[in-house]
Protein backbone atom coordinates (compact mmCIF):
# COMPACT_ATOMS: atom_id res chain seq x y z
CA UNK A 1 135.09 13.30 -46.43
CA UNK A 2 137.03 10.72 -48.44
CA UNK A 3 136.93 7.10 -47.17
CA UNK A 4 140.71 7.31 -46.73
CA UNK A 5 140.10 10.28 -44.42
CA UNK A 6 137.58 8.30 -42.36
CA UNK A 7 139.93 5.35 -42.03
CA UNK A 8 142.90 7.49 -41.12
CA UNK A 9 140.96 9.52 -38.36
CA UNK A 10 139.49 6.35 -36.83
CA UNK A 11 142.95 4.66 -36.75
CA UNK A 12 144.78 7.67 -35.26
CA UNK A 13 141.99 8.20 -32.65
CA UNK A 14 142.20 4.51 -31.64
CA UNK A 15 145.96 4.47 -31.33
CA UNK A 16 146.10 7.54 -29.23
CA UNK A 17 143.08 6.67 -27.05
CA UNK A 18 143.65 2.97 -26.62
CA UNK A 19 147.30 2.24 -27.82
CA UNK A 20 150.25 1.00 -25.69
CA UNK A 21 153.09 3.41 -24.90
CA UNK A 22 156.80 2.37 -25.18
CA UNK A 23 157.83 5.28 -23.01
CA UNK A 24 160.75 4.22 -20.73
CA UNK A 25 161.39 1.00 -22.69
CA UNK A 26 164.52 0.14 -24.59
CA UNK A 27 163.79 1.26 -28.13
CA UNK A 28 165.98 1.49 -31.26
CA UNK A 29 164.82 4.75 -32.81
CA UNK A 30 165.97 8.11 -31.59
CA UNK A 31 165.51 11.80 -32.38
CA UNK A 32 168.28 13.93 -33.96
CA UNK A 33 169.14 15.29 -30.39
CA UNK A 34 169.94 11.71 -29.37
CA UNK A 35 166.89 11.20 -27.00
CA UNK A 36 164.89 7.97 -27.40
CA UNK A 37 161.91 8.08 -29.84
CA UNK A 38 158.98 6.62 -27.92
CA UNK A 39 155.66 5.53 -29.52
CA UNK A 40 152.03 4.97 -28.80
CA UNK A 41 151.06 1.87 -30.80
CA UNK A 42 148.40 -0.62 -31.83
CA UNK A 43 149.15 -4.28 -32.94
CA UNK A 44 147.53 -5.73 -35.95
CA UNK A 45 145.81 -2.81 -37.62
CA UNK A 46 143.85 -3.84 -40.80
CA UNK A 47 142.50 -1.21 -43.26
CA UNK A 48 140.60 -2.09 -46.51
CA UNK A 49 140.35 0.22 -49.48
CA UNK A 50 138.13 -0.54 -52.50
CA UNK A 51 140.02 1.03 -55.38
CA UNK A 52 137.09 0.63 -57.76
CA UNK A 53 134.99 3.15 -55.64
CA UNK A 54 137.71 5.79 -54.99
CA UNK A 55 141.28 6.60 -54.76
CA UNK A 56 142.56 6.33 -51.20
CA UNK A 57 144.30 9.76 -50.90
CA UNK A 58 143.81 11.83 -47.74
CA UNK A 59 142.27 15.29 -48.06
CA UNK A 60 143.28 16.24 -44.62
CA UNK A 61 146.66 17.13 -46.08
CA UNK A 62 148.21 16.75 -49.53
CA UNK A 63 149.88 13.34 -50.46
CA UNK A 64 152.33 14.00 -53.33
CA UNK A 65 151.09 11.32 -55.78
CA UNK A 66 154.07 11.73 -58.22
CA UNK A 67 156.64 11.55 -55.39
CA UNK A 68 155.19 8.42 -53.88
CA UNK A 69 154.90 6.92 -57.41
CA UNK A 70 158.55 7.76 -57.93
CA UNK A 71 159.40 5.62 -54.98
CA UNK A 72 157.25 2.53 -55.88
CA UNK A 73 158.73 2.64 -59.39
CA UNK A 74 162.22 2.88 -57.83
CA UNK A 75 161.53 -0.26 -55.91
CA UNK A 76 159.33 -2.29 -58.25
CA UNK A 77 160.37 -1.13 -61.76
CA UNK A 78 164.00 0.15 -61.43
CA UNK A 79 164.68 -2.46 -58.63
CA UNK A 80 167.17 0.00 -57.35
CA UNK A 81 168.78 0.20 -53.96
CA UNK A 82 170.66 3.51 -54.70
CA UNK A 83 169.11 6.84 -53.77
CA UNK A 84 170.74 8.55 -56.84
CA UNK A 85 167.96 6.84 -58.81
CA UNK A 86 165.27 8.35 -56.73
CA UNK A 87 164.05 12.07 -56.69
CA UNK A 88 162.46 12.22 -53.17
CA UNK A 89 165.06 12.58 -50.38
CA UNK A 90 163.30 10.16 -48.09
CA UNK A 91 166.03 7.52 -48.06
CA UNK A 92 168.98 9.84 -47.56
CA UNK A 93 169.34 9.12 -43.86
CA UNK A 94 169.91 5.42 -44.54
CA UNK A 95 172.23 5.61 -47.50
CA UNK A 96 176.04 5.10 -47.38
CA UNK A 97 178.57 7.50 -49.04
CA UNK A 98 177.84 5.76 -52.42
CA UNK A 99 174.08 6.27 -52.21
CA UNK A 100 173.33 2.54 -51.47
CA UNK A 101 170.86 1.32 -48.82
CA UNK A 102 172.37 -2.23 -49.05
CA UNK A 103 170.55 -5.35 -50.12
CA UNK A 104 167.21 -3.96 -49.35
CA UNK A 105 163.86 -3.10 -51.11
CA UNK A 106 164.58 -3.02 -54.90
CA UNK A 107 167.62 -5.07 -54.70
CA UNK A 108 165.59 -7.97 -53.47
CA UNK A 109 162.88 -7.62 -56.10
CA UNK A 110 165.56 -7.66 -58.84
CA UNK A 111 167.15 -10.94 -57.74
CA UNK A 112 166.51 -13.61 -60.30
CA UNK A 113 165.34 -17.11 -59.35
CA UNK A 114 165.03 -20.28 -61.32
CA UNK A 115 161.50 -21.38 -61.98
CA UNK A 116 160.05 -24.08 -64.21
CA UNK A 117 159.20 -21.33 -66.78
CA UNK A 118 162.83 -19.93 -66.59
CA UNK A 119 164.82 -17.29 -64.76
CA UNK A 120 162.68 -14.42 -63.46
CA UNK A 121 162.85 -11.81 -60.60
CA UNK A 122 159.93 -11.46 -58.23
CA UNK A 123 158.27 -8.62 -60.22
CA UNK A 124 158.47 -10.43 -63.52
CA UNK A 125 157.11 -13.66 -61.74
CA UNK A 126 154.00 -11.65 -60.67
CA UNK A 127 153.28 -10.27 -64.04
CA UNK A 128 153.80 -13.54 -65.69
CA UNK A 129 151.36 -15.23 -63.29
CA UNK A 130 148.67 -12.54 -63.46
CA UNK A 131 148.78 -12.94 -67.26
CA UNK A 132 149.12 -16.68 -67.56
CA UNK A 133 147.81 -18.21 -64.28
CA UNK A 134 145.52 -15.46 -62.67
CA UNK A 135 143.76 -17.81 -60.29
CA UNK A 136 146.94 -18.96 -58.74
CA UNK A 137 147.05 -18.51 -55.03
CA UNK A 138 150.80 -18.31 -55.08
CA UNK A 139 151.28 -14.86 -56.55
CA UNK A 140 153.32 -12.90 -54.05
CA UNK A 141 156.53 -11.07 -53.26
CA UNK A 142 158.59 -11.18 -50.23
CA UNK A 143 161.67 -8.83 -49.58
CA UNK A 144 162.35 -9.83 -46.02
CA UNK A 145 165.23 -12.07 -46.75
CA UNK A 146 166.81 -13.09 -43.56
CA UNK A 147 170.16 -14.15 -44.91
CA UNK A 148 170.69 -10.57 -46.23
CA UNK A 149 169.36 -8.56 -43.36
CA UNK A 150 172.77 -7.83 -42.05
CA UNK A 151 173.61 -6.12 -45.38
CA UNK A 152 170.50 -3.92 -45.41
CA UNK A 153 170.81 -0.33 -43.94
CA UNK A 154 167.22 -0.56 -42.84
CA UNK A 155 165.12 -3.76 -42.57
CA UNK A 156 162.11 -3.58 -45.05
CA UNK A 157 158.95 -2.12 -43.33
CA UNK A 158 156.45 -2.91 -46.11
CA UNK A 159 157.87 -6.34 -46.99
CA UNK A 160 155.33 -8.46 -48.81
CA UNK A 161 152.58 -8.17 -51.39
CA UNK A 162 150.08 -11.02 -51.99
CA UNK A 163 147.99 -10.69 -55.08
CA UNK A 164 144.60 -12.45 -55.58
CA UNK A 165 142.36 -12.23 -58.74
CA UNK A 166 138.62 -12.47 -58.60
CA UNK A 167 135.92 -12.39 -61.26
CA UNK A 168 132.78 -10.33 -60.31
CA UNK A 169 129.46 -11.90 -60.81
CA UNK A 170 128.18 -9.08 -63.03
CA UNK A 171 131.14 -8.62 -65.25
CA UNK A 172 133.73 -10.29 -67.54
CA UNK A 173 136.83 -8.27 -66.57
CA UNK A 174 138.99 -9.85 -63.92
CA UNK A 175 139.70 -7.86 -60.64
CA UNK A 176 143.13 -7.47 -59.11
CA UNK A 177 143.27 -7.34 -55.34
CA UNK A 178 146.20 -7.36 -53.09
CA UNK A 179 147.40 -7.36 -49.50
CA UNK A 180 150.19 -5.25 -48.34
CA UNK A 181 152.01 -6.59 -45.22
CA UNK A 182 153.88 -4.13 -43.21
CA UNK A 183 155.92 -4.94 -40.05
CA UNK A 184 155.99 -1.37 -38.77
CA UNK A 185 154.74 2.04 -39.70
CA UNK A 186 155.19 5.65 -38.64
CA UNK A 187 151.55 6.61 -39.11
CA UNK A 188 152.12 10.42 -39.49
CA UNK A 189 155.15 10.26 -41.90
CA UNK A 190 154.23 7.19 -43.94
CA UNK A 191 150.70 5.89 -43.76
CA UNK A 192 148.96 7.58 -46.63
CA UNK A 193 152.17 7.69 -48.64
CA UNK A 194 152.38 3.77 -48.51
CA UNK A 195 148.54 3.51 -49.08
CA UNK A 196 148.65 5.68 -52.20
CA UNK A 197 151.77 4.18 -53.67
CA UNK A 198 150.55 0.63 -53.40
CA UNK A 199 147.20 1.64 -54.74
CA UNK A 200 149.02 3.13 -57.71
CA UNK A 201 150.88 -0.21 -58.16
CA UNK A 202 147.70 -2.22 -58.19
CA UNK A 203 146.21 0.12 -60.83
CA UNK A 204 149.36 -0.24 -63.02
CA UNK A 205 149.51 -3.88 -62.77
CA UNK A 206 145.80 -4.28 -63.36
CA UNK A 207 146.11 -2.12 -66.46
CA UNK A 208 149.02 -3.98 -68.11
CA UNK A 209 147.38 -7.35 -67.30
CA UNK A 210 143.98 -6.25 -68.75
CA UNK A 211 142.22 -6.23 -65.28
CA UNK A 212 140.56 -3.67 -63.08
CA UNK A 213 141.74 -2.57 -59.68
CA UNK A 214 139.90 -4.07 -56.67
CA UNK A 215 140.69 -4.17 -53.07
CA UNK A 216 143.85 -3.04 -51.32
CA UNK A 217 144.10 -4.66 -47.75
CA UNK A 218 146.74 -3.06 -45.61
CA UNK A 219 147.95 -5.07 -42.74
CA UNK A 220 150.23 -3.30 -40.16
CA UNK A 221 151.73 -5.34 -37.35
CA UNK A 222 152.85 -2.32 -35.37
CA UNK A 223 151.14 1.03 -36.22
CA UNK A 224 152.61 3.67 -34.13
CA UNK A 225 152.51 7.46 -33.52
CA UNK A 226 155.77 8.88 -32.21
CA UNK A 227 155.55 11.01 -29.00
CA UNK A 228 156.60 14.20 -30.74
CA UNK A 229 153.98 13.46 -33.44
CA UNK A 230 150.89 13.32 -31.20
CA UNK A 231 150.10 17.01 -31.20
CA UNK A 232 150.51 17.20 -35.01
CA UNK A 233 148.15 14.22 -35.42
CA UNK A 234 145.61 15.76 -33.04
CA UNK A 235 145.56 18.96 -35.16
CA UNK A 236 145.63 16.99 -38.42
CA UNK A 237 142.55 14.76 -37.63
CA UNK A 238 140.54 17.79 -36.44
CA UNK A 239 140.78 19.37 -39.93
CA UNK A 240 137.96 19.97 -42.46
CA UNK A 241 137.86 17.12 -45.00
CA UNK A 242 136.89 17.06 -48.74
CA UNK A 243 135.61 14.45 -51.31
CA UNK A 244 138.19 12.00 -52.65
CA UNK A 245 140.07 13.11 -55.77
CA UNK A 246 139.78 11.24 -59.08
CA UNK A 247 142.64 9.09 -60.11
CA UNK A 248 144.14 9.25 -63.69
CA UNK A 249 146.52 6.67 -65.07
CA UNK A 250 147.80 6.98 -68.60
CA UNK A 251 145.64 4.51 -70.53
CA UNK A 252 148.27 4.24 -73.32
CA UNK A 253 150.76 2.31 -71.15
CA UNK A 254 150.58 -1.47 -71.54
CA UNK A 255 154.01 -2.37 -70.38
CA UNK A 256 154.75 -2.02 -66.75
CA UNK A 257 158.33 -0.97 -67.37
CA UNK A 258 157.20 2.02 -69.48
CA UNK A 259 155.34 3.84 -66.60
CA UNK A 260 156.78 7.08 -65.23
CA UNK A 261 155.73 9.41 -62.48
CA UNK A 262 154.20 11.57 -65.15
CA UNK A 263 151.63 8.84 -66.01
CA UNK A 264 149.72 9.39 -62.84
CA UNK A 265 147.78 12.24 -61.42
CA UNK A 266 145.00 13.20 -58.95
CA UNK A 267 142.29 15.45 -60.37
CA UNK A 268 139.91 17.58 -58.33
CA UNK A 269 142.23 17.02 -55.38
CA UNK A 270 141.31 19.62 -52.64
CA UNK A 271 143.19 19.29 -49.34
CA UNK A 272 144.18 20.98 -46.13
CA UNK A 273 147.62 22.65 -45.83
CA UNK A 274 150.64 20.59 -45.88
CA UNK A 275 152.61 19.73 -42.69
CA UNK A 276 156.25 20.92 -42.96
CA UNK A 277 159.31 19.78 -41.17
CA UNK A 278 157.92 16.69 -39.58
CA UNK A 279 160.57 15.29 -37.05
CA UNK A 280 161.67 11.92 -38.23
CA UNK A 281 162.99 9.28 -35.82
CA UNK A 282 165.95 7.21 -37.22
């Protein structure tokens, strides 16, 4: 069993057995047939993954590493808010006729701000500080910008990354750690997708800043399982598990803006069958 499997199984079991139900309450999400999409949820779920030990991909079912990498590069590298720049179709339900999701996600990371060191967007500010001031306690991003929320087709779910650099007692190479803050998460559809893509991001930033990847701490304010997902989750967490795969990142890339989805892969990745046609609440 991979460590990610253990975390996922324990989290799902806790949500189902001990979570709070929203059934009968006024909720925003709904199913395609128009009925309310109720959830069972837990508040304040915190999961930790040590990326120096293993890559946190589930083996209960396959996580498409190149597809989730494509999305994180769409947000962090292309800084795009248009689905035509993205291969996966996961954002299609929130895009307008031109393909835009409004002033959300990549748009916010690409907005330039004036700093003492000059004009930079949030991504370039992070990379600059990791290279020039790694022990700063101010290295973070935030895309939950209140004045622009009315122009976002979906409020950001994963909205903030806080980076923190440490130096191990037994080594010289600095370690890059990060906290991912998420206001809300559909556990079945998005949990391991988000975990894997932000693990990839930490590995990429560590490599281009001459560091090694450390911990990813994932904080979820509202971790929920939709009512129609509970039977799927029950079957999923009862499956056979396998050892964690080995993560490969192209060692030749030293510029964050040169990475592509082809520069990542999971080796020796054995999994259970994929789950098809998961109903998605919108």
